[in-house]
Amino acid sequence: MFKVVTPGFSQEFERWTEALNAAKSLMPNCKWSETVKIHLCDELVWMYSREYKYPQYIGAGNYNLLAKLFIQETLEDTAKMTNSDQSNDEENLLPD
C-alpha cells in the first residue's frame, strides 16, 4: 500500500504508478519548504522537495524495487488494453 503525503493532502494507492502520478501532479504546487512524500507500508521510499532538482529515492534497493513495480504494472496495463482491443475486434466480426 502506497501513501502520498503533503501538507494538507494524504491519499493511499494500491499501485506504484498511481501513487507516482499523484505525487508528480502535486509537485508544481509544492512551496519551498514543503515536500511530497510516498510511503510504502510506513517506510519513506520517494520524496520531492524544491531543494533538489530531481525527486529522491530513499533507502537501499528501493529504486530497483520501484522500477520493477513500474515495469510490471505497465506490462499488466498493456496486456489489459490488448485483450480489450482483441475482444472489441471479435465483437465487430460477429454478424448482427
PDB file of N, CA and C in Angstrom:
ATOM      1  N   MET A   1       0.842  -1.169   0.000  1.00  0.00           N
ATOM      2  CA  MET A   1       0.000   0.000   0.000  1.00  0.00           C
ATOM      3  C   MET A   1       0.892   1.239   0.000  1.00  0.00           C
ATOM      4  N   PHE A   2       0.688   2.094  -0.965  1.00  0.00           N
ATOM      5  CA  PHE A   2       1.449   3.334  -1.083  1.00  0.00           C
ATOM      6  C   PHE A   2       0.617   4.487  -0.548  1.00  0.00           C
ATOM      7  N   LYS A   3       1.282   5.418   0.092  1.00  0.00           N
ATOM      8  CA  LYS A   3       0.592   6.576   0.642  1.00  0.00           C
ATOM      9  C   LYS A   3       1.343   7.838   0.216  1.00  0.00           C
ATOM     10  N   VAL A   4       0.636   8.742  -0.457  1.00  0.00           N
ATOM     11  CA  VAL A   4       1.203  10.028  -0.882  1.00  0.00           C
ATOM     12  C   VAL A   4       0.824  11.064   0.169  1.00  0.00           C
ATOM     13  N   VAL A   5       1.833  11.799   0.652  1.00  0.00           N
ATOM     14  CA  VAL A   5       1.611  12.745   1.742  1.00  0.00           C
ATOM     15  C   VAL A   5       2.257  14.088   1.421  1.00  0.00           C
ATOM     16  N   THR A   6       1.498  15.155   1.583  1.00  0.00           N
ATOM     17  CA  THR A   6       1.997  16.531   1.547  1.00  0.00           C
ATOM     18  C   THR A   6       1.239  17.277   2.639  1.00  0.00           C
ATOM     19  N   PRO A   7       1.675  18.477   2.965  1.00  0.00           N
ATOM     20  CA  PRO A   7       0.874  19.254   3.915  1.00  0.00           C
ATOM     21  C   PRO A   7      -0.534  19.498   3.336  1.00  0.00           C
ATOM     22  N   GLY A   8      -1.537  19.061   4.031  1.00  0.00           N
ATOM     23  CA  GLY A   8      -2.905  19.271   3.583  1.00  0.00           C
ATOM     24  C   GLY A   8      -3.447  18.209   2.653  1.00  0.00           C
ATOM     25  N   PHE A   9      -2.674  17.155   2.362  1.00  0.00           N
ATOM     26  CA  PHE A   9      -3.134  16.109   1.453  1.00  0.00           C
ATOM     27  C   PHE A   9      -2.519  14.778   1.857  1.00  0.00           C
ATOM     28  N   SER A  10      -3.349  13.741   1.850  1.00  0.00           N
ATOM     29  CA  SER A  10      -2.875  12.386   2.112  1.00  0.00           C
ATOM     30  C   SER A  10      -3.837  11.419   1.437  1.00  0.00           C
ATOM     31  N   GLN A  11      -3.299  10.504   0.634  1.00  0.00           N
ATOM     32  CA  GLN A  11      -4.144   9.544  -0.059  1.00  0.00           C
ATOM     33  C   GLN A  11      -3.373   8.237  -0.237  1.00  0.00           C
ATOM     34  N   GLU A  12      -4.088   7.122  -0.129  1.00  0.00           N
ATOM     35  CA  GLU A  12      -3.481   5.807  -0.280  1.00  0.00           C
ATOM     36  C   GLU A  12      -3.792   5.232  -1.659  1.00  0.00           C
ATOM     37  N   PHE A  13      -2.834   4.458  -2.184  1.00  0.00           N
ATOM     38  CA  PHE A  13      -2.965   3.846  -3.500  1.00  0.00           C
ATOM     39  C   PHE A  13      -2.499   2.399  -3.430  1.00  0.00           C
ATOM     40  N   GLU A  14      -3.096   1.555  -4.245  1.00  0.00           N
ATOM     41  CA  GLU A  14      -2.687   0.154  -4.321  1.00  0.00           C
ATOM     42  C   GLU A  14      -1.466  -0.024  -5.223  1.00  0.00           C
ATOM     43  N   ARG A  15      -1.343   0.818  -6.226  1.00  0.00           N
ATOM     44  CA  ARG A  15      -0.292   0.644  -7.234  1.00  0.00           C
ATOM     45  C   ARG A  15       0.733   1.767  -7.180  1.00  0.00           C
ATOM     46  N   TRP A  16       1.979   1.411  -7.493  1.00  0.00           N
ATOM     47  CA  TRP A  16       3.071   2.377  -7.502  1.00  0.00           C
ATOM     48  C   TRP A  16       2.842   3.444  -8.557  1.00  0.00           C
ATOM     49  N   THR A  17       2.399   3.065  -9.742  1.00  0.00           N
ATOM     50  CA  THR A  17       2.221   4.040 -10.816  1.00  0.00           C
ATOM     51  C   THR A  17       1.162   5.082 -10.463  1.00  0.00           C
ATOM     52  N   GLU A  18       0.106   4.657  -9.785  1.00  0.00           N
ATOM     53  CA  GLU A  18      -0.931   5.609  -9.371  1.00  0.00           C
ATOM     54  C   GLU A  18      -0.393   6.584  -8.326  1.00  0.00           C
ATOM     55  N   ALA A  19       0.365   6.061  -7.368  1.00  0.00           N
ATOM     56  CA  ALA A  19       0.958   6.917  -6.333  1.00  0.00           C
ATOM     57  C   ALA A  19       1.952   7.890  -6.945  1.00  0.00           C
ATOM     58  N   LEU A  20       2.765   7.404  -7.873  1.00  0.00           N
ATOM     59  CA  LEU A  20       3.764   8.256  -8.518  1.00  0.00           C
ATOM     60  C   LEU A  20       3.106   9.360  -9.339  1.00  0.00           C
ATOM     61  N   ASN A  21       2.060   9.023 -10.074  1.00  0.00           N
ATOM     62  CA  ASN A  21       1.347  10.033 -10.860  1.00  0.00           C
ATOM     63  C   ASN A  21       0.704  11.088  -9.961  1.00  0.00           C
ATOM     64  N   ALA A  22       0.130  10.650  -8.847  1.00  0.00           N
ATOM     65  CA  ALA A  22      -0.473  11.601  -7.904  1.00  0.00           C
ATOM     66  C   ALA A  22       0.591  12.521  -7.318  1.00  0.00           C
ATOM     67  N   ALA A  23       1.731  11.948  -6.938  1.00  0.00           N
ATOM     68  CA  ALA A  23       2.815  12.752  -6.359  1.00  0.00           C
ATOM     69  C   ALA A  23       3.359  13.751  -7.379  1.00  0.00           C
ATOM     70  N   LYS A  24       3.532  13.307  -8.618  1.00  0.00           N
ATOM     71  CA  LYS A  24       4.036  14.214  -9.657  1.00  0.00           C
ATOM     72  C   LYS A  24       3.061  15.351  -9.941  1.00  0.00           C
ATOM     73  N   SER A  25       1.765  15.079  -9.817  1.00  0.00           N
ATOM     74  CA  SER A  25       0.786  16.143 -10.050  1.00  0.00           C
ATOM     75  C   SER A  25       0.817  17.185  -8.936  1.00  0.00           C
ATOM     76  N   LEU A  26       1.306  16.810  -7.758  1.00  0.00           N
ATOM     77  CA  LEU A  26       1.401  17.746  -6.634  1.00  0.00           C
ATOM     78  C   LEU A  26       2.695  18.558  -6.642  1.00  0.00           C
ATOM     79  N   MET A  27       3.679  18.144  -7.411  1.00  0.00           N
ATOM     80  CA  MET A  27       4.981  18.808  -7.416  1.00  0.00           C
ATOM     81  C   MET A  27       4.924  20.291  -7.783  1.00  0.00           C
ATOM     82  N   PRO A  28       4.160  20.714  -8.805  1.00  0.00           N
ATOM     83  CA  PRO A  28       4.140  22.138  -9.143  1.00  0.00           C
ATOM     84  C   PRO A  28       3.596  23.036  -8.034  1.00  0.00           C
ATOM     85  N   ASN A  29       2.744  22.478  -7.174  1.00  0.00           N
ATOM     86  CA  ASN A  29       2.153  23.261  -6.089  1.00  0.00           C
ATOM     87  C   ASN A  29       3.013  23.284  -4.833  1.00  0.00           C
ATOM     88  N   CYS A  30       4.123  22.583  -4.864  1.00  0.00           N
ATOM     89  CA  CYS A  30       4.983  22.463  -3.691  1.00  0.00           C
ATOM     90  C   CYS A  30       5.744  23.766  -3.449  1.00  0.00           C
ATOM     91  N   LYS A  31       5.593  24.314  -2.262  1.00  0.00           N
ATOM     92  CA  LYS A  31       6.315  25.532  -1.899  1.00  0.00           C
ATOM     93  C   LYS A  31       7.729  25.171  -1.467  1.00  0.00           C
ATOM     94  N   TRP A  32       8.558  26.165  -1.258  1.00  0.00           N
ATOM     95  CA  TRP A  32       9.981  25.941  -0.998  1.00  0.00           C
ATOM     96  C   TRP A  32      10.235  24.989   0.171  1.00  0.00           C
ATOM     97  N   SER A  33       9.539  25.144   1.266  1.00  0.00           N
ATOM     98  CA  SER A  33       9.814  24.336   2.456  1.00  0.00           C
ATOM     99  C   SER A  33       8.969  23.061   2.535  1.00  0.00           C
ATOM    100  N   GLU A  34       8.081  22.838   1.576  1.00  0.00           N
ATOM    101  CA  GLU A  34       7.202  21.670   1.609  1.00  0.00           C
ATOM    102  C   GLU A  34       7.818  20.504   0.834  1.00  0.00           C
ATOM    103  N   THR A  35       7.357  19.310   1.159  1.00  0.00           N
ATOM    104  CA  THR A  35       7.807  18.116   0.458  1.00  0.00           C
ATOM    105  C   THR A  35       6.601  17.279   0.036  1.00  0.00           C
ATOM    106  N   VAL A  36       6.799  16.504  -1.003  1.00  0.00           N
ATOM    107  CA  VAL A  36       5.836  15.498  -1.425  1.00  0.00           C
ATOM    108  C   VAL A  36       6.517  14.164  -1.157  1.00  0.00           C
ATOM    109  N   LYS A  37       5.856  13.303  -0.396  1.00  0.00           N
ATOM    110  CA  LYS A  37       6.457  12.032   0.001  1.00  0.00           C
ATOM    111  C   LYS A  37       5.552  10.870  -0.377  1.00  0.00           C
ATOM    112  N   ILE A  38       6.198   9.741  -0.708  1.00  0.00           N
ATOM    113  CA  ILE A  38       5.481   8.488  -0.913  1.00  0.00           C
ATOM    114  C   ILE A  38       6.032   7.477   0.081  1.00  0.00           C
ATOM    115  N   HIS A  39       5.119   6.874   0.817  1.00  0.00           N
ATOM    116  CA  HIS A  39       5.485   5.840   1.779  1.00  0.00           C
ATOM    117  C   HIS A  39       4.991   4.493   1.277  1.00  0.00           C
ATOM    118  N   LEU A  40       5.789   3.464   1.497  1.00  0.00           N
ATOM    119  CA  LEU A  40       5.384   2.092   1.224  1.00  0.00           C
ATOM    120  C   LEU A  40       5.356   1.372   2.558  1.00  0.00           C
ATOM    121  N   CYS A  41       4.156   1.025   3.013  1.00  0.00           N
ATOM    122  CA  CYS A  41       3.998   0.356   4.324  1.00  0.00           C
ATOM    123  C   CYS A  41       4.727   1.130   5.422  1.00  0.00           C
ATOM    124  N   ASP A  42       4.469   2.398   5.545  1.00  0.00           N
ATOM    125  CA  ASP A  42       5.034   3.288   6.567  1.00  0.00           C
ATOM    126  C   ASP A  42       6.536   3.538   6.423  1.00  0.00           C
ATOM    127  N   GLU A  43       7.129   3.136   5.316  1.00  0.00           N
ATOM    128  CA  GLU A  43       8.544   3.415   5.062  1.00  0.00           C
ATOM    129  C   GLU A  43       8.652   4.421   3.916  1.00  0.00           C
ATOM    130  N   LEU A  44       9.378   5.502   4.139  1.00  0.00           N
ATOM    131  CA  LEU A  44       9.569   6.525   3.109  1.00  0.00           C
ATOM    132  C   LEU A  44      10.409   5.941   1.978  1.00  0.00           C
ATOM    133  N   VAL A  45       9.888   6.003   0.739  1.00  0.00           N
ATOM    134  CA  VAL A  45      10.615   5.456  -0.410  1.00  0.00           C
ATOM    135  C   VAL A  45      10.890   6.502  -1.489  1.00  0.00           C
ATOM    136  N   TRP A  46      10.146   7.617  -1.484  1.00  0.00           N
ATOM    137  CA  TRP A  46      10.289   8.631  -2.541  1.00  0.00           C
ATOM    138  C   TRP A  46       9.962   9.985  -1.948  1.00  0.00           C
ATOM    139  N   MET A  47      10.743  10.996  -2.344  1.00  0.00           N
ATOM    140  CA  MET A  47      10.499  12.335  -1.800  1.00  0.00           C
ATOM    141  C   MET A  47      10.883  13.384  -2.837  1.00  0.00           C
ATOM    142  N   TYR A  48      10.053  14.423  -2.927  1.00  0.00           N
ATOM    143  CA  TYR A  48      10.364  15.568  -3.778  1.00  0.00           C
ATOM    144  C   TYR A  48      10.338  16.832  -2.927  1.00  0.00           C
ATOM    145  N   SER A  49      11.322  17.671  -3.148  1.00  0.00           N
ATOM    146  CA  SER A  49      11.395  18.972  -2.480  1.00  0.00           C
ATOM    147  C   SER A  49      12.011  19.950  -3.464  1.00  0.00           C
ATOM    148  N   ARG A  50      11.702  21.215  -3.343  1.00  0.00           N
ATOM    149  CA  ARG A  50      12.285  22.239  -4.209  1.00  0.00           C
ATOM    150  C   ARG A  50      13.788  22.399  -3.975  1.00  0.00           C
ATOM    151  N   GLU A  51      14.270  21.844  -2.873  1.00  0.00           N
ATOM    152  CA  GLU A  51      15.699  21.928  -2.573  1.00  0.00           C
ATOM    153  C   GLU A  51      16.536  21.121  -3.552  1.00  0.00           C
ATOM    154  N   TYR A  52      15.936  20.096  -4.189  1.00  0.00           N
ATOM    155  CA  TYR A  52      16.650  19.221  -5.115  1.00  0.00           C
ATOM    156  C   TYR A  52      16.056  19.364  -6.511  1.00  0.00           C
ATOM    157  N   LYS A  53      16.898  19.160  -7.502  1.00  0.00           N
ATOM    158  CA  LYS A  53      16.442  19.274  -8.878  1.00  0.00           C
ATOM    159  C   LYS A  53      15.523  18.111  -9.264  1.00  0.00           C
ATOM    160  N   TYR A  54      15.826  16.920  -8.735  1.00  0.00           N
ATOM    161  CA  TYR A  54      15.070  15.714  -9.067  1.00  0.00           C
ATOM    162  C   TYR A  54      14.530  15.071  -7.792  1.00  0.00           C
ATOM    163  N   PRO A  55      13.469  14.273  -7.908  1.00  0.00           N
ATOM    164  CA  PRO A  55      12.970  13.534  -6.744  1.00  0.00           C
ATOM    165  C   PRO A  55      14.032  12.563  -6.229  1.00  0.00           C
ATOM    166  N   GLN A  56      13.961  12.255  -4.949  1.00  0.00           N
ATOM    167  CA  GLN A  56      14.926  11.373  -4.305  1.00  0.00           C
ATOM    168  C   GLN A  56      14.279  10.024  -3.997  1.00  0.00           C
ATOM    169  N   TYR A  57      14.977   8.941  -4.334  1.00  0.00           N
ATOM    170  CA  TYR A  57      14.554   7.601  -3.930  1.00  0.00           C
ATOM    171  C   TYR A  57      15.295   7.286  -2.648  1.00  0.00           C
ATOM    172  N   ILE A  58      14.553   6.963  -1.589  1.00  0.00           N
ATOM    173  CA  ILE A  58      15.115   6.813  -0.252  1.00  0.00           C
ATOM    174  C   ILE A  58      15.239   5.327   0.087  1.00  0.00           C
ATOM    175  N   GLY A  59      16.406   4.924   0.562  1.00  0.00           N
ATOM    176  CA  GLY A  59      16.605   3.558   1.041  1.00  0.00           C
ATOM    177  C   GLY A  59      17.336   2.683   0.041  1.00  0.00           C
ATOM    178  N   ALA A  60      18.107   1.769   0.588  1.00  0.00           N
ATOM    179  CA  ALA A  60      18.894   0.855  -0.245  1.00  0.00           C
ATOM    180  C   ALA A  60      17.981  -0.092  -1.012  1.00  0.00           C
ATOM    181  N   GLY A  61      18.176  -0.174  -2.324  1.00  0.00           N
ATOM    182  CA  GLY A  61      17.424  -1.103  -3.153  1.00  0.00           C
ATOM    183  C   GLY A  61      16.025  -0.652  -3.535  1.00  0.00           C
ATOM    184  N   ASN A  62      15.570   0.474  -3.027  1.00  0.00           N
ATOM    185  CA  ASN A  62      14.202   0.919  -3.331  1.00  0.00           C
ATOM    186  C   ASN A  62      14.043   1.333  -4.785  1.00  0.00           C
ATOM    187  N   TYR A  63      15.074   1.950  -5.368  1.00  0.00           N
ATOM    188  CA  TYR A  63      14.964   2.361  -6.773  1.00  0.00           C
ATOM    189  C   TYR A  63      14.713   1.132  -7.648  1.00  0.00           C
ATOM    190  N   ASN A  64      15.486   0.062  -7.431  1.00  0.00           N
ATOM    191  CA  ASN A  64      15.308  -1.156  -8.224  1.00  0.00           C
ATOM    192  C   ASN A  64      13.937  -1.773  -8.003  1.00  0.00           C
ATOM    193  N   LEU A  65      13.495  -1.828  -6.754  1.00  0.00           N
ATOM    194  CA  LEU A  65      12.175  -2.376  -6.430  1.00  0.00           C
ATOM    195  C   LEU A  65      11.074  -1.592  -7.129  1.00  0.00           C
ATOM    196  N   LEU A  66      11.139  -0.273  -7.035  1.00  0.00           N
ATOM    197  CA  LEU A  66      10.101   0.569  -7.624  1.00  0.00           C
ATOM    198  C   LEU A  66      10.153   0.541  -9.153  1.00  0.00           C
ATOM    199  N   ALA A  67      11.349   0.430  -9.724  1.00  0.00           N
ATOM    200  CA  ALA A  67      11.472   0.314 -11.185  1.00  0.00           C
ATOM    201  C   ALA A  67      10.834  -0.989 -11.667  1.00  0.00           C
ATOM    202  N   LYS A  68      11.062  -2.071 -10.937  1.00  0.00           N
ATOM    203  CA  LYS A  68      10.455  -3.354 -11.306  1.00  0.00           C
ATOM    204  C   LYS A  68       8.935  -3.299 -11.184  1.00  0.00           C
ATOM    205  N   LEU A  69       8.435  -2.656 -10.134  1.00  0.00           N
ATOM    206  CA  LEU A  69       6.983  -2.495  -9.984  1.00  0.00           C
ATOM    207  C   LEU A  69       6.400  -1.676 -11.125  1.00  0.00           C
ATOM    208  N   PHE A  70       7.101  -0.616 -11.513  1.00  0.00           N
ATOM    209  CA  PHE A  70       6.654   0.234 -12.613  1.00  0.00           C
ATOM    210  C   PHE A  70       6.544  -0.589 -13.903  1.00  0.00           C
ATOM    211  N   ILE A  71       7.565  -1.380 -14.190  1.00  0.00           N
ATOM    212  CA  ILE A  71       7.563  -2.204 -15.406  1.00  0.00           C
ATOM    213  C   ILE A  71       6.445  -3.239 -15.349  1.00  0.00           C
ATOM    214  N   GLN A  72       6.286  -3.900 -14.211  1.00  0.00           N
ATOM    215  CA  GLN A  72       5.251  -4.915 -14.050  1.00  0.00           C
ATOM    216  C   GLN A  72       3.858  -4.319 -14.241  1.00  0.00           C
ATOM    217  N   GLU A  73       3.598  -3.186 -13.617  1.00  0.00           N
ATOM    218  CA  GLU A  73       2.281  -2.555 -13.735  1.00  0.00           C
ATOM    219  C   GLU A  73       2.028  -2.074 -15.156  1.00  0.00           C
ATOM    220  N   THR A  74       3.053  -1.574 -15.822  1.00  0.00           N
ATOM    221  CA  THR A  74       2.909  -1.130 -17.205  1.00  0.00           C
ATOM    222  C   THR A  74       2.594  -2.300 -18.119  1.00  0.00           C
ATOM    223  N   LEU A  75       3.283  -3.433 -17.911  1.00  0.00           N
ATOM    224  CA  LEU A  75       3.009  -4.629 -18.719  1.00  0.00           C
ATOM    225  C   LEU A  75       1.588  -5.143 -18.476  1.00  0.00           C
ATOM    226  N   GLU A  76       1.134  -5.105 -17.221  1.00  0.00           N
ATOM    227  CA  GLU A  76      -0.238  -5.522 -16.916  1.00  0.00           C
ATOM    228  C   GLU A  76      -1.249  -4.618 -17.606  1.00  0.00           C
ATOM    229  N   ASP A  77      -1.014  -3.325 -17.584  1.00  0.00           N
ATOM    230  CA  ASP A  77      -1.923  -2.379 -18.243  1.00  0.00           C
ATOM    231  C   ASP A  77      -1.938  -2.611 -19.754  1.00  0.00           C
ATOM    232  N   THR A  78      -0.778  -2.872 -20.323  1.00  0.00           N
ATOM    233  CA  THR A  78      -0.681  -3.125 -21.764  1.00  0.00           C
ATOM    234  C   THR A  78      -1.420  -4.401 -22.131  1.00  0.00           C
ATOM    235  N   ALA A  79      -1.268  -5.430 -21.304  1.00  0.00           N
ATOM    236  CA  ALA A  79      -1.963  -6.694 -21.566  1.00  0.00           C
ATOM    237  C   ALA A  79      -3.472  -6.507 -21.490  1.00  0.00           C
ATOM    238  N   LYS A  80      -3.939  -5.740 -20.519  1.00  0.00           N
ATOM    239  CA  LYS A  80      -5.379  -5.478 -20.396  1.00  0.00           C
ATOM    240  C   LYS A  80      -5.899  -4.741 -21.624  1.00  0.00           C
ATOM    241  N   MET A  81      -5.132  -3.754 -22.077  1.00  0.00           N
ATOM    242  CA  MET A  81      -5.557  -2.983 -23.246  1.00  0.00           C
ATOM    243  C   MET A  81      -5.574  -3.862 -24.489  1.00  0.00           C
ATOM    244  N   THR A  82      -4.576  -4.720 -24.631  1.00  0.00           N
ATOM    245  CA  THR A  82      -4.508  -5.612 -25.782  1.00  0.00           C
ATOM    246  C   THR A  82      -5.675  -6.587 -25.779  1.00  0.00           C
ATOM    247  N   ASN A  83      -5.969  -7.169 -24.621  1.00  0.00           N
ATOM    248  CA  ASN A  83      -7.107  -8.092 -24.515  1.00  0.00           C
ATOM    249  C   ASN A  83      -8.418  -7.375 -24.794  1.00  0.00           C
ATOM    250  N   SER A  84      -8.549  -6.151 -24.339  1.00  0.00           N
ATOM    251  CA  SER A  84      -9.758  -5.368 -24.568  1.00  0.00           C
ATOM    252  C   SER A  84      -9.923  -5.070 -26.057  1.00  0.00           C
ATOM    253  N   ASP A  85      -8.838  -4.697 -26.715  1.00  0.00           N
ATOM    254  CA  ASP A  85      -8.885  -4.413 -28.148  1.00  0.00           C
ATOM    255  C   ASP A  85      -9.236  -5.660 -28.940  1.00  0.00           C
ATOM    256  N   GLN A  86      -8.691  -6.815 -28.548  1.00  0.00           N
ATOM    257  CA  GLN A  86      -8.989  -8.060 -29.252  1.00  0.00           C
ATOM    258  C   GLN A  86     -10.447  -8.449 -29.090  1.00  0.00           C
ATOM    259  N   SER A  87     -11.000  -8.279 -27.896  1.00  0.00           N
ATOM    260  CA  SER A  87     -12.414  -8.631 -27.690  1.00  0.00           C
ATOM    261  C   SER A  87     -13.317  -7.689 -28.475  1.00  0.00           C
ATOM    262  N   ASN A  88     -12.940  -6.423 -28.596  1.00  0.00           N
ATOM    263  CA  ASN A  88     -13.724  -5.477 -29.397  1.00  0.00           C
ATOM    264  C   ASN A  88     -13.678  -5.857 -30.869  1.00  0.00           C
ATOM    265  N   ASP A  89     -12.493  -6.293 -31.343  1.00  0.00           N
ATOM    266  CA  ASP A  89     -12.362  -6.714 -32.733  1.00  0.00           C
ATOM    267  C   ASP A  89     -13.216  -7.948 -33.008  1.00  0.00           C
ATOM    268  N   GLU A  90     -13.258  -8.895 -32.052  1.00  0.00           N
ATOM    269  CA  GLU A  90     -14.057 -10.104 -32.223  1.00  0.00           C
ATOM    270  C   GLU A  90     -15.543  -9.771 -32.253  1.00  0.00           C
ATOM    271  N   GLU A  91     -15.967  -8.811 -31.440  1.00  0.00           N
ATOM    272  CA  GLU A  91     -17.368  -8.412 -31.429  1.00  0.00           C
ATOM    273  C   GLU A  91     -17.761  -7.790 -32.765  1.00  0.00           C
ATOM    274  N   ASN A  92     -16.839  -7.066 -33.383  1.00  0.00           N
ATOM    275  CA  ASN A  92     -17.119  -6.441 -34.670  1.00  0.00           C
ATOM    276  C   ASN A  92     -17.240  -7.470 -35.781  1.00  0.00           C
ATOM    277  N   LEU A  93     -16.628  -8.647 -35.615  1.00  0.00           N
ATOM    278  CA  LEU A  93     -16.677  -9.685 -36.640  1.00  0.00           C
ATOM    279  C   LEU A  93     -17.964 -10.508 -36.572  1.00  0.00           C
ATOM    280  N   LEU A  94     -18.643 -10.483 -35.440  1.00  0.00           N
ATOM    281  CA  LEU A  94     -19.858 -11.268 -35.291  1.00  0.00           C
ATOM    282  C   LEU A  94     -20.988 -10.663 -36.125  1.00  0.00           C
ATOM    283  N   PRO A  95     -21.760 -11.523 -36.799  1.00  0.00           N
ATOM    284  CA  PRO A  95     -22.885 -10.981 -37.592  1.00  0.00           C
ATOM    285  C   PRO A  95     -24.002 -10.487 -36.688  1.00  0.00           C
ATOM    286  N   ASP A  96     -24.720  -9.506 -37.166  1.00  0.00           N
ATOM    287  CA  ASP A  96     -25.842  -8.939 -36.391  1.00  0.00           C
ATOM    288  C   ASP A  96     -27.086  -9.753 -36.517  1.00  0.00           C
TER     289      ASP A  96
END
